[in-house]
Amino acid sequence: MKPFALEAMLEWVLFASRWLLAPIYLGLVVALCALLYTFFVQLIGELPLLPTLKETSIILWLLSLIDLSLVGNLLITVILAGYENFVSRMSNDGHRDWPDWIGKVDFGGMKLKLIASIAAISAIHLLEIFMTPAKLDPSTVGWLIAILLAIVLSGILLAATDYISEAARRLSEEK
């Protein structure tokens, strides 16, 4: 076999290996279904109790539902943007409600969306703890605040890195 043919075959195998991610994205769709099931269990389980719940309990219940919604959004972002960026382009033929961001979110944008979602989920979890006096252990709250700040700082640093990288790319193109 000629070295060129071997190289071409190796490159084909490496390029085709991106399809190994497809079952992972399908697994995330199954996880999204599990999240949907959990959402409805919580929604339906609390509805009959609504007239007897105190305001704080209702707010905690709503925060829990919002938390599940944000995790679902995170899953959809990873599934669609990940598939589009790493496996194959998707055709929007016949999809009149096709989201504008699909096909426009690159890897850097996906990282920022993920960090923003994780920060929002962490903030909701922290708010739930603040609203539950039994869970207000100063050590735990301190760690949760530190983790939230680390997540936010990571997002800021990722955004700054992407900004610097893009500015350097533009500068090199101008030369």
Protein backbone atom coordinates (compact mmCIF):
# COMPACT_ATOMS: atom_id res chain seq x y z
CA MET A 1 0.00 0.00 0.00
CA LYS A 2 1.34 3.42 -0.93
CA PRO A 3 1.94 5.90 1.92
CA PHE A 4 -0.58 8.29 0.33
CA ALA A 5 -3.30 5.60 0.26
CA LEU A 6 -2.57 4.70 3.87
CA GLU A 7 -2.80 8.35 4.87
CA ALA A 8 -6.08 8.77 2.97
CA MET A 9 -7.54 5.68 4.64
CA LEU A 10 -6.43 6.88 8.09
CA GLU A 11 -7.98 10.28 7.49
CA TRP A 12 -11.22 8.67 6.31
CA VAL A 13 -11.38 6.51 9.47
CA LEU A 14 -10.66 9.51 11.69
CA PHE A 15 -13.27 11.63 9.93
CA ALA A 16 -15.87 8.83 9.98
CA SER A 17 -15.27 8.30 13.71
CA ARG A 18 -17.32 11.43 14.39
CA TRP A 19 -20.38 9.20 13.92
CA LEU A 20 -19.45 7.42 17.14
CA LEU A 21 -20.89 10.50 18.88
CA ALA A 22 -24.36 9.97 17.35
CA PRO A 23 -25.40 7.26 19.87
CA ILE A 24 -24.26 9.56 22.69
CA TYR A 25 -26.56 12.30 21.42
CA LEU A 26 -29.39 9.76 21.15
CA GLY A 27 -28.66 8.77 24.76
CA LEU A 28 -29.03 12.42 25.74
CA VAL A 29 -32.45 12.43 24.04
CA VAL A 30 -33.39 9.49 26.29
CA ALA A 31 -32.09 11.51 29.27
CA LEU A 32 -34.29 14.41 28.12
CA CYS A 33 -37.28 12.04 28.17
CA ALA A 34 -36.36 11.02 31.73
CA LEU A 35 -36.19 14.71 32.65
CA LEU A 36 -39.62 15.27 31.11
CA TYR A 37 -41.00 12.38 33.17
CA THR A 38 -39.46 13.85 36.34
CA PHE A 39 -40.91 17.27 35.51
CA PHE A 40 -44.44 15.90 35.17
CA VAL A 41 -44.12 13.76 38.30
CA GLN A 42 -43.20 16.89 40.27
CA LEU A 43 -45.85 19.02 38.55
CA ILE A 44 -48.70 16.56 38.97
CA GLY A 45 -47.58 15.49 42.44
CA GLU A 46 -47.75 19.02 43.85
CA LEU A 47 -50.84 20.34 42.07
CA PRO A 48 -53.37 18.71 44.45
CA LEU A 49 -51.46 20.17 47.42
CA LEU A 50 -51.39 23.69 45.98
CA PRO A 51 -54.27 25.12 48.06
CA THR A 52 -52.59 24.02 51.29
CA LEU A 53 -49.03 25.06 50.46
CA LYS A 54 -47.41 28.13 51.94
CA GLU A 55 -45.89 30.76 49.68
CA THR A 56 -42.33 29.56 50.37
CA SER A 57 -43.23 25.98 49.44
CA ILE A 58 -44.85 27.15 46.20
CA ILE A 59 -41.77 29.20 45.31
CA LEU A 60 -39.49 26.23 46.05
CA TRP A 61 -41.69 23.99 43.90
CA LEU A 62 -41.60 26.51 41.04
CA LEU A 63 -37.82 26.88 41.37
CA SER A 64 -37.53 23.11 41.12
CA LEU A 65 -39.59 23.13 37.90
CA ILE A 66 -37.53 26.02 36.50
CA ASP A 67 -34.37 24.10 37.39
CA LEU A 68 -35.60 21.09 35.42
CA SER A 69 -36.46 23.38 32.50
CA LEU A 70 -32.95 24.85 32.49
CA VAL A 71 -31.40 21.38 32.54
CA GLY A 72 -33.64 20.50 29.58
CA ASN A 73 -32.45 23.61 27.73
CA LEU A 74 -28.88 22.61 28.49
CA LEU A 75 -29.50 19.12 27.08
CA ILE A 76 -31.08 20.50 23.90
CA THR A 77 -28.16 22.89 23.41
CA VAL A 78 -25.64 20.09 23.81
CA ILE A 79 -27.60 17.69 21.59
CA LEU A 80 -28.29 20.06 18.69
CA ALA A 81 -25.15 22.20 18.72
CA GLY A 82 -22.92 19.22 19.47
CA TYR A 83 -24.39 17.14 16.66
CA GLU A 84 -24.22 20.08 14.25
CA ASN A 85 -20.62 20.97 15.20
CA PHE A 86 -19.11 17.50 15.52
CA VAL A 87 -21.17 14.97 13.56
CA SER A 88 -23.16 16.33 10.63
CA ARG A 89 -24.97 19.41 9.38
CA MET A 90 -28.71 19.26 9.83
CA SER A 91 -31.14 20.25 7.09
CA ASN A 92 -33.86 22.69 8.06
CA ASP A 93 -36.02 21.87 5.03
CA GLY A 94 -39.65 21.90 6.05
CA HIS A 95 -38.98 23.14 9.60
CA ARG A 96 -40.73 26.50 9.76
CA ASP A 97 -39.97 26.83 13.49
CA TRP A 98 -36.26 26.00 13.08
CA PRO A 99 -34.31 27.88 15.79
CA ASP A 100 -32.00 30.55 14.36
CA TRP A 101 -29.06 29.54 16.54
CA ILE A 102 -28.72 26.03 15.08
CA GLY A 103 -25.80 26.06 12.72
CA LYS A 104 -24.53 29.34 14.13
CA VAL A 105 -23.31 28.16 17.54
CA ASP A 106 -19.68 27.17 17.23
CA PHE A 107 -17.71 25.30 19.87
CA GLY A 108 -16.80 28.53 21.69
CA GLY A 109 -20.42 29.68 21.71
CA MET A 110 -21.54 26.28 22.92
CA LYS A 111 -19.08 26.46 25.84
CA LEU A 112 -20.46 29.86 26.85
CA LYS A 113 -24.07 28.65 26.63
CA LEU A 114 -23.18 25.64 28.77
CA ILE A 115 -21.43 27.76 31.40
CA ALA A 116 -24.35 30.22 31.48
CA SER A 117 -26.85 27.37 31.92
CA ILE A 118 -24.77 25.73 34.64
CA ALA A 119 -24.43 29.09 36.44
CA ALA A 120 -28.21 29.63 36.28
CA ILE A 121 -28.89 26.09 37.56
CA SER A 122 -26.38 26.60 40.39
CA ALA A 123 -27.92 29.96 41.30
CA ILE A 124 -31.40 28.40 41.49
CA HIS A 125 -30.08 25.60 43.70
CA LEU A 126 -28.46 28.19 45.97
CA LEU A 127 -31.70 30.19 46.11
CA GLU A 128 -33.60 27.03 47.09
CA ILE A 129 -31.15 26.50 49.97
CA PHE A 130 -31.49 30.14 51.11
CA MET A 131 -35.26 29.69 51.21
CA THR A 132 -35.05 26.49 53.27
CA PRO A 133 -33.82 27.44 56.78
CA ALA A 134 -33.15 23.78 57.69
CA LYS A 135 -30.55 23.61 54.90
CA LEU A 136 -28.78 26.85 55.84
CA ASP A 137 -25.54 25.32 57.04
CA PRO A 138 -22.92 28.12 56.78
CA SER A 139 -20.20 25.76 55.57
CA THR A 140 -22.37 24.28 52.82
CA VAL A 141 -23.67 27.68 51.74
CA GLY A 142 -20.13 29.04 51.66
CA TRP A 143 -18.98 26.21 49.41
CA LEU A 144 -21.98 26.61 47.13
CA ILE A 145 -21.33 30.35 46.77
CA ALA A 146 -17.65 29.65 46.06
CA ILE A 147 -18.59 27.07 43.41
CA LEU A 148 -21.09 29.46 41.80
CA LEU A 149 -18.48 32.23 41.72
CA ALA A 150 -15.94 29.82 40.19
CA ILE A 151 -18.45 28.89 37.48
CA VAL A 152 -19.19 32.55 36.73
CA LEU A 153 -15.48 33.40 36.70
CA SER A 154 -14.84 30.49 34.33
CA GLY A 155 -17.53 31.83 32.01
CA ILE A 156 -16.00 35.30 32.07
CA LEU A 157 -12.54 33.88 31.36
CA LEU A 158 -13.87 31.73 28.50
CA ALA A 159 -15.63 34.74 26.99
CA ALA A 160 -12.48 36.86 27.34
CA THR A 161 -10.38 34.10 25.75
CA ASP A 162 -12.79 33.80 22.83
CA TYR A 163 -12.81 37.59 22.42
CA ILE A 164 -9.00 37.76 22.39
CA SER A 165 -8.77 34.83 19.98
CA GLU A 166 -11.28 36.42 17.60
CA ALA A 167 -9.50 39.79 17.77
CA ALA A 168 -6.16 38.10 17.00
CA ARG A 169 -7.73 36.24 14.06
CA ARG A 170 -9.14 39.48 12.64
CA LEU A 171 -5.81 41.23 13.10
CA SER A 172 -3.94 38.48 11.27
CA GLU A 173 -6.45 38.61 8.40
CA GLU A 174 -5.92 42.37 7.99
CA LYS A 175 -2.17 41.90 7.46
